[in-house]
Amino acid sequence: MAIAVVFCSASPSAGQGLPFHTETALTTAFEQRAVRSFAMWQSRGAVDMIVAPVAILPYAPHERVTTKVVVPLKYARLDLGQGDHLSRTGVADVSVAVKWAFLSRDRPEGTSRLALAGAVSLPTGSTAPSNSDGQPPQALPLGRGAAAAGATVIGTILRGRWGLSADLAHERPWSHGGFRAGFTTRYDLAIGFRLPRHVTTTRTRTLQLYLEWNGSVEGAALDDGVRVDHTGGHLAFVSPGVQWVVLRRLLLEASLQIPVIQDFRGIQPDVGVRPAFGGRFLFF
């Protein structure tokens, strides 16, 4: 999850915000001592869900290294038909991440950076059956029941009022009771444009416009080593977004993910449009 940045010195790239969904290689300001939260509405078939991750960046041991803890809050609702439904609310799987910007080239008109990030997802979300009325167990799990580990390579280029970020990530889960969810490979590309053109101080209010491509390829799940039918596939979104730096320590942001590729293995329900809205706050 990208966190916005405001450079300490006044320059054409000062006040340059970052995309909603795409990771960035920046490790300063809001990336080091901030909290971010947003709510996203997701729908797929008969299941509607609201996911509200709370991302905390509590500690930066170095100007090029940041840490992050993400606690996702989740509400899920399954439509059973004829006016009946099941619902669950709780904490999903918590993740811990570290990012290192190993290459940095700053200039008066912006910066170019490359970074590596590693993350571990912990099985903190409940996988207990959602009810005892004869419905399938784990109809609405809050977590996947197993830890997972992943790595991401990230690149960011800022030139004046323009920004470009891209990332490539791969995550693999452990098995749980003989079941292993499929691997996930994520790829993102984001272009950003800042208004106004000139920024005099870090207190200057700015408006960032974004256009992102967010894709993921998921492998098939395995059950006791046997591939599970109707799992895995390729999903991609076009995601316009906006970010408003309201105050030096506060910004608001919104995004709309529109699915453009839904190439799933076997028979799987389609994914709907995903609106999201949230904000980021700098501790000090």
C-alpha atoms as a PDB file:
ATOM      1  CA  MET A   1       0.000   0.000   0.000  1.00  0.00           C
ATOM      2  CA  ALA A   2       1.465   3.317  -1.060  1.00  0.00           C
ATOM      3  CA  ILE A   3       1.629   6.198   1.411  1.00  0.00           C
ATOM      4  CA  ALA A   4       1.854   9.786   0.195  1.00  0.00           C
ATOM      5  CA  VAL A   5       5.042  11.775   0.536  1.00  0.00           C
ATOM      6  CA  VAL A   6       5.805  15.467   0.988  1.00  0.00           C
ATOM      7  CA  PHE A   7       9.454  16.395   0.541  1.00  0.00           C
ATOM      8  CA  CYS A   8      10.962  18.617   3.218  1.00  0.00           C
ATOM      9  CA  SER A   9      12.505  21.102   0.802  1.00  0.00           C
ATOM     10  CA  ALA A  10      10.567  23.248  -1.633  1.00  0.00           C
ATOM     11  CA  SER A  11      11.040  21.984  -5.190  1.00  0.00           C
ATOM     12  CA  PRO A  12       8.900  21.225  -8.257  1.00  0.00           C
ATOM     13  CA  SER A  13       8.394  17.723  -6.837  1.00  0.00           C
ATOM     14  CA  ALA A  14       7.457  18.906  -3.327  1.00  0.00           C
ATOM     15  CA  GLY A  15       3.928  17.931  -2.423  1.00  0.00           C
ATOM     16  CA  GLN A  16       3.968  15.113  -4.966  1.00  0.00           C
ATOM     17  CA  GLY A  17       1.440  12.548  -3.781  1.00  0.00           C
ATOM     18  CA  LEU A  18       1.465   8.851  -4.607  1.00  0.00           C
ATOM     19  CA  PRO A  19      -1.019   6.453  -6.232  1.00  0.00           C
ATOM     20  CA  PHE A  20      -3.847   4.723  -4.386  1.00  0.00           C
ATOM     21  CA  HIS A  21      -3.014   1.088  -5.225  1.00  0.00           C
ATOM     22  CA  THR A  22       0.484   1.010  -6.740  1.00  0.00           C
ATOM     23  CA  GLU A  23       3.523   0.676  -4.478  1.00  0.00           C
ATOM     24  CA  THR A  24       6.256   3.316  -4.699  1.00  0.00           C
ATOM     25  CA  ALA A  25       9.991   3.384  -4.028  1.00  0.00           C
ATOM     26  CA  LEU A  26       9.811   6.524  -1.855  1.00  0.00           C
ATOM     27  CA  THR A  27      10.623   6.172   1.854  1.00  0.00           C
ATOM     28  CA  THR A  28      10.229   9.675   3.275  1.00  0.00           C
ATOM     29  CA  ALA A  29       7.659  11.805   5.170  1.00  0.00           C
ATOM     30  CA  PHE A  30       4.267  10.011   5.153  1.00  0.00           C
ATOM     31  CA  GLU A  31       6.070   6.725   4.471  1.00  0.00           C
ATOM     32  CA  GLN A  32       7.870   6.840   7.847  1.00  0.00           C
ATOM     33  CA  ARG A  33       5.505   8.008  10.584  1.00  0.00           C
ATOM     34  CA  ALA A  34       1.965   7.933   9.286  1.00  0.00           C
ATOM     35  CA  VAL A  35      -1.292   6.038   9.431  1.00  0.00           C
ATOM     36  CA  ARG A  36      -3.491   5.288   6.437  1.00  0.00           C
ATOM     37  CA  SER A  37      -6.985   3.864   6.257  1.00  0.00           C
ATOM     38  CA  PHE A  38      -9.624   3.534   3.569  1.00  0.00           C
ATOM     39  CA  ALA A  39     -12.818   1.611   2.903  1.00  0.00           C
ATOM     40  CA  MET A  40     -13.270  -0.397  -0.301  1.00  0.00           C
ATOM     41  CA  TRP A  41     -16.493  -2.006  -1.495  1.00  0.00           C
ATOM     42  CA  GLN A  42     -15.978  -5.350  -3.253  1.00  0.00           C
ATOM     43  CA  SER A  43     -18.568  -7.593  -4.887  1.00  0.00           C
ATOM     44  CA  ARG A  44     -18.196 -10.998  -6.498  1.00  0.00           C
ATOM     45  CA  GLY A  45     -21.198 -13.148  -7.307  1.00  0.00           C
ATOM     46  CA  ALA A  46     -23.414 -13.483  -4.227  1.00  0.00           C
ATOM     47  CA  VAL A  47     -20.759 -12.076  -1.859  1.00  0.00           C
ATOM     48  CA  ASP A  48     -20.487  -8.368  -1.005  1.00  0.00           C
ATOM     49  CA  MET A  49     -17.616  -7.145   1.130  1.00  0.00           C
ATOM     50  CA  ILE A  50     -16.278  -3.981   2.710  1.00  0.00           C
ATOM     51  CA  VAL A  51     -12.544  -4.082   3.445  1.00  0.00           C
ATOM     52  CA  ALA A  52     -10.974  -1.319   5.554  1.00  0.00           C
ATOM     53  CA  PRO A  53      -7.204  -1.792   5.973  1.00  0.00           C
ATOM     54  CA  VAL A  54      -5.458   0.286   8.631  1.00  0.00           C
ATOM     55  CA  ALA A  55      -1.801   0.765   7.659  1.00  0.00           C
ATOM     56  CA  ILE A  56       0.597   2.019  10.337  1.00  0.00           C
ATOM     57  CA  LEU A  57       4.185   3.051   9.562  1.00  0.00           C
ATOM     58  CA  PRO A  58       5.639   3.242  13.059  1.00  0.00           C
ATOM     59  CA  TYR A  59       9.396   3.027  12.591  1.00  0.00           C
ATOM     60  CA  ALA A  60      12.031   4.050  10.051  1.00  0.00           C
ATOM     61  CA  PRO A  61      15.485   2.803  11.116  1.00  0.00           C
ATOM     62  CA  HIS A  62      17.069   4.624   8.149  1.00  0.00           C
ATOM     63  CA  GLU A  63      16.032   7.307   5.663  1.00  0.00           C
ATOM     64  CA  ARG A  64      15.835   4.597   2.994  1.00  0.00           C
ATOM     65  CA  VAL A  65      14.157   1.912   5.110  1.00  0.00           C
ATOM     66  CA  THR A  66      10.558   1.866   6.330  1.00  0.00           C
ATOM     67  CA  THR A  67       8.395  -0.639   8.182  1.00  0.00           C
ATOM     68  CA  LYS A  68       4.649  -1.155   7.913  1.00  0.00           C
ATOM     69  CA  VAL A  69       1.921  -3.047   9.765  1.00  0.00           C
ATOM     70  CA  VAL A  70      -1.458  -3.534   8.056  1.00  0.00           C
ATOM     71  CA  VAL A  71      -4.531  -4.560  10.060  1.00  0.00           C
ATOM     72  CA  PRO A  72      -7.450  -5.252   7.672  1.00  0.00           C
ATOM     73  CA  LEU A  73     -10.979  -4.933   9.007  1.00  0.00           C
ATOM     74  CA  LYS A  74     -13.547  -6.856   6.983  1.00  0.00           C
ATOM     75  CA  TYR A  75     -17.321  -7.102   6.637  1.00  0.00           C
ATOM     76  CA  ALA A  76     -18.623  -9.873   4.350  1.00  0.00           C
ATOM     77  CA  ARG A  77     -22.215 -10.667   3.348  1.00  0.00           C
ATOM     78  CA  LEU A  78     -23.395 -13.754   1.451  1.00  0.00           C
ATOM     79  CA  ASP A  79     -26.794 -13.571  -0.278  1.00  0.00           C
ATOM     80  CA  LEU A  80     -28.619 -16.895   0.173  1.00  0.00           C
ATOM     81  CA  GLY A  81     -31.646 -15.872  -1.866  1.00  0.00           C
ATOM     82  CA  GLN A  82     -35.264 -15.322  -0.865  1.00  0.00           C
ATOM     83  CA  GLY A  83     -34.205 -12.492   1.425  1.00  0.00           C
ATOM     84  CA  ASP A  84     -31.826 -14.615   3.544  1.00  0.00           C
ATOM     85  CA  HIS A  85     -28.153 -13.884   4.028  1.00  0.00           C
ATOM     86  CA  LEU A  86     -25.109 -14.611   6.165  1.00  0.00           C
ATOM     87  CA  SER A  87     -22.699 -11.925   7.353  1.00  0.00           C
ATOM     88  CA  ARG A  88     -19.437 -11.714   9.275  1.00  0.00           C
ATOM     89  CA  THR A  89     -17.350  -8.876  10.663  1.00  0.00           C
ATOM     90  CA  GLY A  90     -13.849  -9.014  12.109  1.00  0.00           C
ATOM     91  CA  VAL A  91     -10.103  -8.712  11.603  1.00  0.00           C
ATOM     92  CA  ALA A  92      -8.593 -10.391   8.542  1.00  0.00           C
ATOM     93  CA  ASP A  93      -4.971 -11.522   8.143  1.00  0.00           C
ATOM     94  CA  VAL A  94      -2.460  -8.988   9.526  1.00  0.00           C
ATOM     95  CA  SER A  95       0.700  -8.310   7.508  1.00  0.00           C
ATOM     96  CA  VAL A  96       4.130  -6.888   8.371  1.00  0.00           C
ATOM     97  CA  ALA A  97       6.407  -5.396   5.701  1.00  0.00           C
ATOM     98  CA  VAL A  98       9.835  -3.789   5.301  1.00  0.00           C
ATOM     99  CA  LYS A  99      10.885  -1.629   2.332  1.00  0.00           C
ATOM    100  CA  TRP A 100      14.433  -0.656   1.330  1.00  0.00           C
ATOM    101  CA  ALA A 101      15.164   1.984  -1.313  1.00  0.00           C
ATOM    102  CA  PHE A 102      18.508   0.646  -2.506  1.00  0.00           C
ATOM    103  CA  LEU A 103      18.988   3.131  -5.363  1.00  0.00           C
ATOM    104  CA  SER A 104      18.257   6.877  -5.307  1.00  0.00           C
ATOM    105  CA  ARG A 105      19.049   9.614  -7.826  1.00  0.00           C
ATOM    106  CA  ASP A 106      17.765  13.035  -6.745  1.00  0.00           C
ATOM    107  CA  ARG A 107      17.729  16.127  -8.932  1.00  0.00           C
ATOM    108  CA  PRO A 108      16.178  19.634  -8.809  1.00  0.00           C
ATOM    109  CA  GLU A 109      13.260  18.542 -10.980  1.00  0.00           C
ATOM    110  CA  GLY A 110      12.500  15.303  -9.132  1.00  0.00           C
ATOM    111  CA  THR A 111      13.913  11.917  -8.211  1.00  0.00           C
ATOM    112  CA  SER A 112      14.370   8.356  -9.497  1.00  0.00           C
ATOM    113  CA  ARG A 113      14.355   5.423  -7.071  1.00  0.00           C
ATOM    114  CA  LEU A 114      14.332   1.640  -6.934  1.00  0.00           C
ATOM    115  CA  ALA A 115      13.258  -0.349  -3.881  1.00  0.00           C
ATOM    116  CA  LEU A 116      12.769  -3.885  -2.632  1.00  0.00           C
ATOM    117  CA  ALA A 117      10.068  -4.866  -0.133  1.00  0.00           C
ATOM    118  CA  GLY A 118       9.406  -8.047   1.799  1.00  0.00           C
ATOM    119  CA  ALA A 119       6.179  -8.908   3.615  1.00  0.00           C
ATOM    120  CA  VAL A 120       4.757 -11.661   5.789  1.00  0.00           C
ATOM    121  CA  SER A 121       1.021 -12.232   6.215  1.00  0.00           C
ATOM    122  CA  LEU A 122      -0.050 -13.829   9.500  1.00  0.00           C
ATOM    123  CA  PRO A 123      -3.096 -16.157   9.836  1.00  0.00           C
ATOM    124  CA  THR A 124      -4.968 -13.882  12.248  1.00  0.00           C
ATOM    125  CA  GLY A 125      -8.310 -13.890  10.435  1.00  0.00           C
ATOM    126  CA  SER A 126     -10.894 -16.446  11.579  1.00  0.00           C
ATOM    127  CA  THR A 127     -11.592 -19.432   9.324  1.00  0.00           C
ATOM    128  CA  ALA A 128     -14.285 -20.944  11.577  1.00  0.00           C
ATOM    129  CA  PRO A 129     -17.633 -21.860   9.995  1.00  0.00           C
ATOM    130  CA  SER A 130     -19.869 -18.825   9.698  1.00  0.00           C
ATOM    131  CA  ASN A 131     -22.948 -20.567  11.090  1.00  0.00           C
ATOM    132  CA  SER A 132     -24.311 -23.947  12.222  1.00  0.00           C
ATOM    133  CA  ASP A 133     -27.434 -24.130  10.059  1.00  0.00           C
ATOM    134  CA  GLY A 134     -26.248 -26.539   7.433  1.00  0.00           C
ATOM    135  CA  GLN A 135     -24.412 -23.990   5.301  1.00  0.00           C
ATOM    136  CA  PRO A 136     -21.001 -24.929   3.884  1.00  0.00           C
ATOM    137  CA  PRO A 137     -18.213 -24.398   6.442  1.00  0.00           C
ATOM    138  CA  GLN A 138     -15.981 -21.401   5.873  1.00  0.00           C
ATOM    139  CA  ALA A 139     -18.601 -19.784   3.656  1.00  0.00           C
ATOM    140  CA  LEU A 140     -17.349 -16.376   4.763  1.00  0.00           C
ATOM    141  CA  PRO A 141     -13.817 -16.776   6.148  1.00  0.00           C
ATOM    142  CA  LEU A 142     -12.078 -13.641   7.350  1.00  0.00           C
ATOM    143  CA  GLY A 143      -8.628 -15.135   6.668  1.00  0.00           C
ATOM    144  CA  ARG A 144      -7.094 -17.951   4.670  1.00  0.00           C
ATOM    145  CA  GLY A 145      -5.813 -19.908   7.661  1.00  0.00           C
ATOM    146  CA  ALA A 146      -2.149 -19.951   6.685  1.00  0.00           C
ATOM    147  CA  ALA A 147       0.825 -17.611   6.709  1.00  0.00           C
ATOM    148  CA  ALA A 148       2.207 -16.233   3.459  1.00  0.00           C
ATOM    149  CA  ALA A 149       5.416 -14.494   2.385  1.00  0.00           C
ATOM    150  CA  GLY A 150       6.139 -12.266  -0.568  1.00  0.00           C
ATOM    151  CA  ALA A 151       8.609  -9.890  -2.192  1.00  0.00           C
ATOM    152  CA  THR A 152       8.137  -6.788  -4.345  1.00  0.00           C
ATOM    153  CA  VAL A 153      10.439  -4.823  -6.642  1.00  0.00           C
ATOM    154  CA  ILE A 154       9.386  -1.177  -7.071  1.00  0.00           C
ATOM    155  CA  GLY A 155      10.409   1.755  -9.249  1.00  0.00           C
ATOM    156  CA  THR A 156       9.406   5.433  -9.015  1.00  0.00           C
ATOM    157  CA  ILE A 157      10.249   8.431 -11.219  1.00  0.00           C
ATOM    158  CA  LEU A 158       9.146  11.987 -10.358  1.00  0.00           C
ATOM    159  CA  ARG A 159       9.657  14.856 -12.787  1.00  0.00           C
ATOM    160  CA  GLY A 160       8.100  18.146 -11.712  1.00  0.00           C
ATOM    161  CA  ARG A 161       4.334  17.703 -11.646  1.00  0.00           C
ATOM    162  CA  TRP A 162       4.451  14.209 -13.229  1.00  0.00           C
ATOM    163  CA  GLY A 163       4.996  10.910 -11.437  1.00  0.00           C
ATOM    164  CA  LEU A 164       5.399   7.319 -12.635  1.00  0.00           C
ATOM    165  CA  SER A 165       5.470   4.244 -10.386  1.00  0.00           C
ATOM    166  CA  ALA A 166       5.501   0.516 -11.134  1.00  0.00           C
ATOM    167  CA  ASP A 167       5.788  -2.638  -9.065  1.00  0.00           C
ATOM    168  CA  LEU A 168       6.005  -6.396  -9.499  1.00  0.00           C
ATOM    169  CA  ALA A 169       5.159  -8.609  -6.510  1.00  0.00           C
ATOM    170  CA  HIS A 170       4.977 -12.340  -5.852  1.00  0.00           C
ATOM    171  CA  GLU A 171       3.414 -14.021  -2.808  1.00  0.00           C
ATOM    172  CA  ARG A 172       3.200 -17.684  -1.794  1.00  0.00           C
ATOM    173  CA  PRO A 173       1.082 -19.024   1.071  1.00  0.00           C
ATOM    174  CA  TRP A 174       1.824 -22.000   3.295  1.00  0.00           C
ATOM    175  CA  SER A 175      -0.563 -24.941   3.471  1.00  0.00           C
ATOM    176  CA  HIS A 176      -3.333 -25.260   6.048  1.00  0.00           C
ATOM    177  CA  GLY A 177      -4.860 -28.650   6.803  1.00  0.00           C
ATOM    178  CA  GLY A 178      -3.623 -30.014   3.488  1.00  0.00           C
ATOM    179  CA  PHE A 179      -5.058 -27.056   1.559  1.00  0.00           C
ATOM    180  CA  ARG A 180      -2.801 -24.485  -0.093  1.00  0.00           C
ATOM    181  CA  ALA A 181      -4.161 -21.355  -1.750  1.00  0.00           C
ATOM    182  CA  GLY A 182      -2.605 -20.474  -5.083  1.00  0.00           C
ATOM    183  CA  PHE A 183       0.370 -18.151  -5.456  1.00  0.00           C
ATOM    184  CA  THR A 184      -0.320 -14.541  -6.443  1.00  0.00           C
ATOM    185  CA  THR A 185       1.744 -12.417  -8.831  1.00  0.00           C
ATOM    186  CA  ARG A 186       0.718  -8.759  -8.834  1.00  0.00           C
ATOM    187  CA  TYR A 187       1.781  -6.046 -11.258  1.00  0.00           C
ATOM    188  CA  ASP A 188       0.882  -2.339 -11.147  1.00  0.00           C
ATOM    189  CA  LEU A 189       1.583   0.795 -13.169  1.00  0.00           C
ATOM    190  CA  ALA A 190       0.500   4.316 -12.197  1.00  0.00           C
ATOM    191  CA  ILE A 191       0.809   7.755 -13.801  1.00  0.00           C
ATOM    192  CA  GLY A 192       0.218  10.828 -11.629  1.00  0.00           C
ATOM    193  CA  PHE A 193      -0.282  14.521 -12.429  1.00  0.00           C
ATOM    194  CA  ARG A 194      -0.130  17.320  -9.830  1.00  0.00           C
ATOM    195  CA  LEU A 195      -2.072  20.573  -9.623  1.00  0.00           C
ATOM    196  CA  PRO A 196      -0.894  23.317  -9.254  1.00  0.00           C
ATOM    197  CA  ARG A 197       2.283  23.301 -11.315  1.00  0.00           C
ATOM    198  CA  HIS A 198       4.444  25.241  -8.834  1.00  0.00           C
ATOM    199  CA  VAL A 199       4.725  24.350  -5.133  1.00  0.00           C
ATOM    200  CA  THR A 200       6.446  26.830  -2.818  1.00  0.00           C
ATOM    201  CA  THR A 201       6.318  25.019   0.547  1.00  0.00           C
ATOM    202  CA  THR A 202       5.235  21.677   1.983  1.00  0.00           C
ATOM    203  CA  ARG A 203       2.095  23.465   3.270  1.00  0.00           C
ATOM    204  CA  THR A 204       0.878  24.122  -0.271  1.00  0.00           C
ATOM    205  CA  ARG A 205      -2.411  22.411  -0.987  1.00  0.00           C
ATOM    206  CA  THR A 206      -2.175  20.137  -3.997  1.00  0.00           C
ATOM    207  CA  LEU A 207      -4.498  17.953  -6.032  1.00  0.00           C
ATOM    208  CA  GLN A 208      -3.141  14.746  -7.556  1.00  0.00           C
ATOM    209  CA  LEU A 209      -4.820  12.949 -10.465  1.00  0.00           C
ATOM    210  CA  TYR A 210      -3.945   9.301 -11.157  1.00  0.00           C
ATOM    211  CA  LEU A 211      -4.545   6.603 -13.705  1.00  0.00           C
ATOM    212  CA  GLU A 212      -3.467   3.104 -12.681  1.00  0.00           C
ATOM    213  CA  TRP A 213      -3.383  -0.383 -14.149  1.00  0.00           C
ATOM    214  CA  ASN A 214      -3.636  -2.995 -11.367  1.00  0.00           C
ATOM    215  CA  GLY A 215      -3.370  -6.661 -12.304  1.00  0.00           C
ATOM    216  CA  SER A 216      -2.900  -9.992 -10.548  1.00  0.00           C
ATOM    217  CA  VAL A 217      -2.376 -13.569 -11.687  1.00  0.00           C
ATOM    218  CA  GLU A 218      -3.371 -16.251  -9.183  1.00  0.00           C
ATOM    219  CA  GLY A 219      -2.351 -19.890  -9.408  1.00  0.00           C
ATOM    220  CA  ALA A 220      -4.740 -22.775  -8.796  1.00  0.00           C
ATOM    221  CA  ALA A 221      -5.269 -23.917  -5.215  1.00  0.00           C
ATOM    222  CA  LEU A 222      -4.063 -27.365  -4.120  1.00  0.00           C
ATOM    223  CA  ASP A 223      -5.888 -29.801  -1.833  1.00  0.00           C
ATOM    224  CA  ASP A 224      -3.572 -32.594  -0.625  1.00  0.00           C
ATOM    225  CA  GLY A 225      -1.411 -31.923  -3.679  1.00  0.00           C
ATOM    226  CA  VAL A 226      -4.329 -32.123  -6.134  1.00  0.00           C
ATOM    227  CA  ARG A 227      -5.215 -29.040  -8.128  1.00  0.00           C
ATOM    228  CA  VAL A 228      -8.606 -27.610  -7.202  1.00  0.00           C
ATOM    229  CA  ASP A 229     -10.901 -26.894 -10.141  1.00  0.00           C
ATOM    230  CA  HIS A 230     -12.362 -23.428 -10.699  1.00  0.00           C
ATOM    231  CA  THR A 231      -9.597 -21.581  -8.831  1.00  0.00           C
ATOM    232  CA  GLY A 232      -7.008 -19.093 -10.029  1.00  0.00           C
ATOM    233  CA  GLY A 233      -6.860 -16.838 -13.051  1.00  0.00           C
ATOM    234  CA  HIS A 234      -6.019 -13.344 -14.274  1.00  0.00           C
ATOM    235  CA  LEU A 235      -7.780 -10.216 -12.981  1.00  0.00           C
ATOM    236  CA  ALA A 236      -6.945  -6.619 -13.948  1.00  0.00           C
ATOM    237  CA  PHE A 237      -8.419  -3.168 -13.311  1.00  0.00           C
ATOM    238  CA  VAL A 238      -8.139   0.313 -14.753  1.00  0.00           C
ATOM    239  CA  SER A 239      -8.189   2.604 -11.722  1.00  0.00           C
ATOM    240  CA  PRO A 240      -8.679   6.384 -11.958  1.00  0.00           C
ATOM    241  CA  GLY A 241      -8.030   8.148  -8.674  1.00  0.00           C
ATOM    242  CA  VAL A 242      -7.676  11.506  -6.971  1.00  0.00           C
ATOM    243  CA  GLN A 243      -5.786  12.716  -3.908  1.00  0.00           C
ATOM    244  CA  TRP A 244      -6.175  16.063  -2.126  1.00  0.00           C
ATOM    245  CA  VAL A 245      -3.503  17.298   0.278  1.00  0.00           C
ATOM    246  CA  VAL A 246      -5.790  19.190   2.661  1.00  0.00           C
ATOM    247  CA  LEU A 247      -3.234  20.071   5.335  1.00  0.00           C
ATOM    248  CA  ARG A 248       0.464  19.462   5.887  1.00  0.00           C
ATOM    249  CA  ARG A 249      -0.395  16.360   7.933  1.00  0.00           C
ATOM    250  CA  LEU A 250      -3.636  15.277   6.276  1.00  0.00           C
ATOM    251  CA  LEU A 251      -4.757  14.179   2.832  1.00  0.00           C
ATOM    252  CA  LEU A 252      -7.925  12.619   1.422  1.00  0.00           C
ATOM    253  CA  GLU A 253      -8.044  10.194  -1.494  1.00  0.00           C
ATOM    254  CA  ALA A 254     -10.469   8.164  -3.607  1.00  0.00           C
ATOM    255  CA  SER A 255     -10.249   5.521  -6.312  1.00  0.00           C
ATOM    256  CA  LEU A 256     -12.539   3.555  -8.637  1.00  0.00           C
ATOM    257  CA  GLN A 257     -11.272   0.171  -9.843  1.00  0.00           C
ATOM    258  CA  ILE A 258     -12.980  -0.918 -13.066  1.00  0.00           C
ATOM    259  CA  PRO A 259     -12.386  -4.576 -14.075  1.00  0.00           C
ATOM    260  CA  VAL A 260     -11.167  -4.969 -17.660  1.00  0.00           C
ATOM    261  CA  ILE A 261      -9.700  -8.517 -17.586  1.00  0.00           C
ATOM    262  CA  GLN A 262     -11.462 -11.416 -15.837  1.00  0.00           C
ATOM    263  CA  ASP A 263      -9.851 -14.533 -17.234  1.00  0.00           C
ATOM    264  CA  PHE A 264     -10.547 -17.144 -14.543  1.00  0.00           C
ATOM    265  CA  ARG A 265      -9.932 -20.892 -14.543  1.00  0.00           C
ATOM    266  CA  GLY A 266     -13.153 -22.831 -14.796  1.00  0.00           C
ATOM    267  CA  ILE A 267     -16.449 -21.376 -13.603  1.00  0.00           C
ATOM    268  CA  GLN A 268     -16.058 -18.434 -11.212  1.00  0.00           C
ATOM    269  CA  PRO A 269     -18.272 -15.398 -10.531  1.00  0.00           C
ATOM    270  CA  ASP A 270     -17.311 -12.062 -12.034  1.00  0.00           C
ATOM    271  CA  VAL A 271     -15.858  -9.206 -10.007  1.00  0.00           C
ATOM    272  CA  GLY A 272     -17.691  -5.881  -9.835  1.00  0.00           C
ATOM    273  CA  VAL A 273     -16.466  -2.284  -9.805  1.00  0.00           C
ATOM    274  CA  ARG A 274     -14.587  -1.396  -6.602  1.00  0.00           C
ATOM    275  CA  PRO A 275     -15.001   2.144  -5.219  1.00  0.00           C
ATOM    276  CA  ALA A 276     -12.731   3.238  -2.355  1.00  0.00           C
ATOM    277  CA  PHE A 277     -12.291   6.339  -0.191  1.00  0.00           C
ATOM    278  CA  GLY A 278      -9.899   7.138   2.639  1.00  0.00           C
ATOM    279  CA  GLY A 279      -7.203   9.336   4.104  1.00  0.00           C
ATOM    280  CA  ARG A 280      -3.661   9.472   5.474  1.00  0.00           C
ATOM    281  CA  PHE A 281      -2.403  11.300   8.542  1.00  0.00           C
ATOM    282  CA  LEU A 282       1.148  12.189   9.543  1.00  0.00           C
ATOM    283  CA  PHE A 283       1.900  11.683  13.262  1.00  0.00           C
ATOM    284  CA  PHE A 284       4.504  14.484  13.539  1.00  0.00           C
END
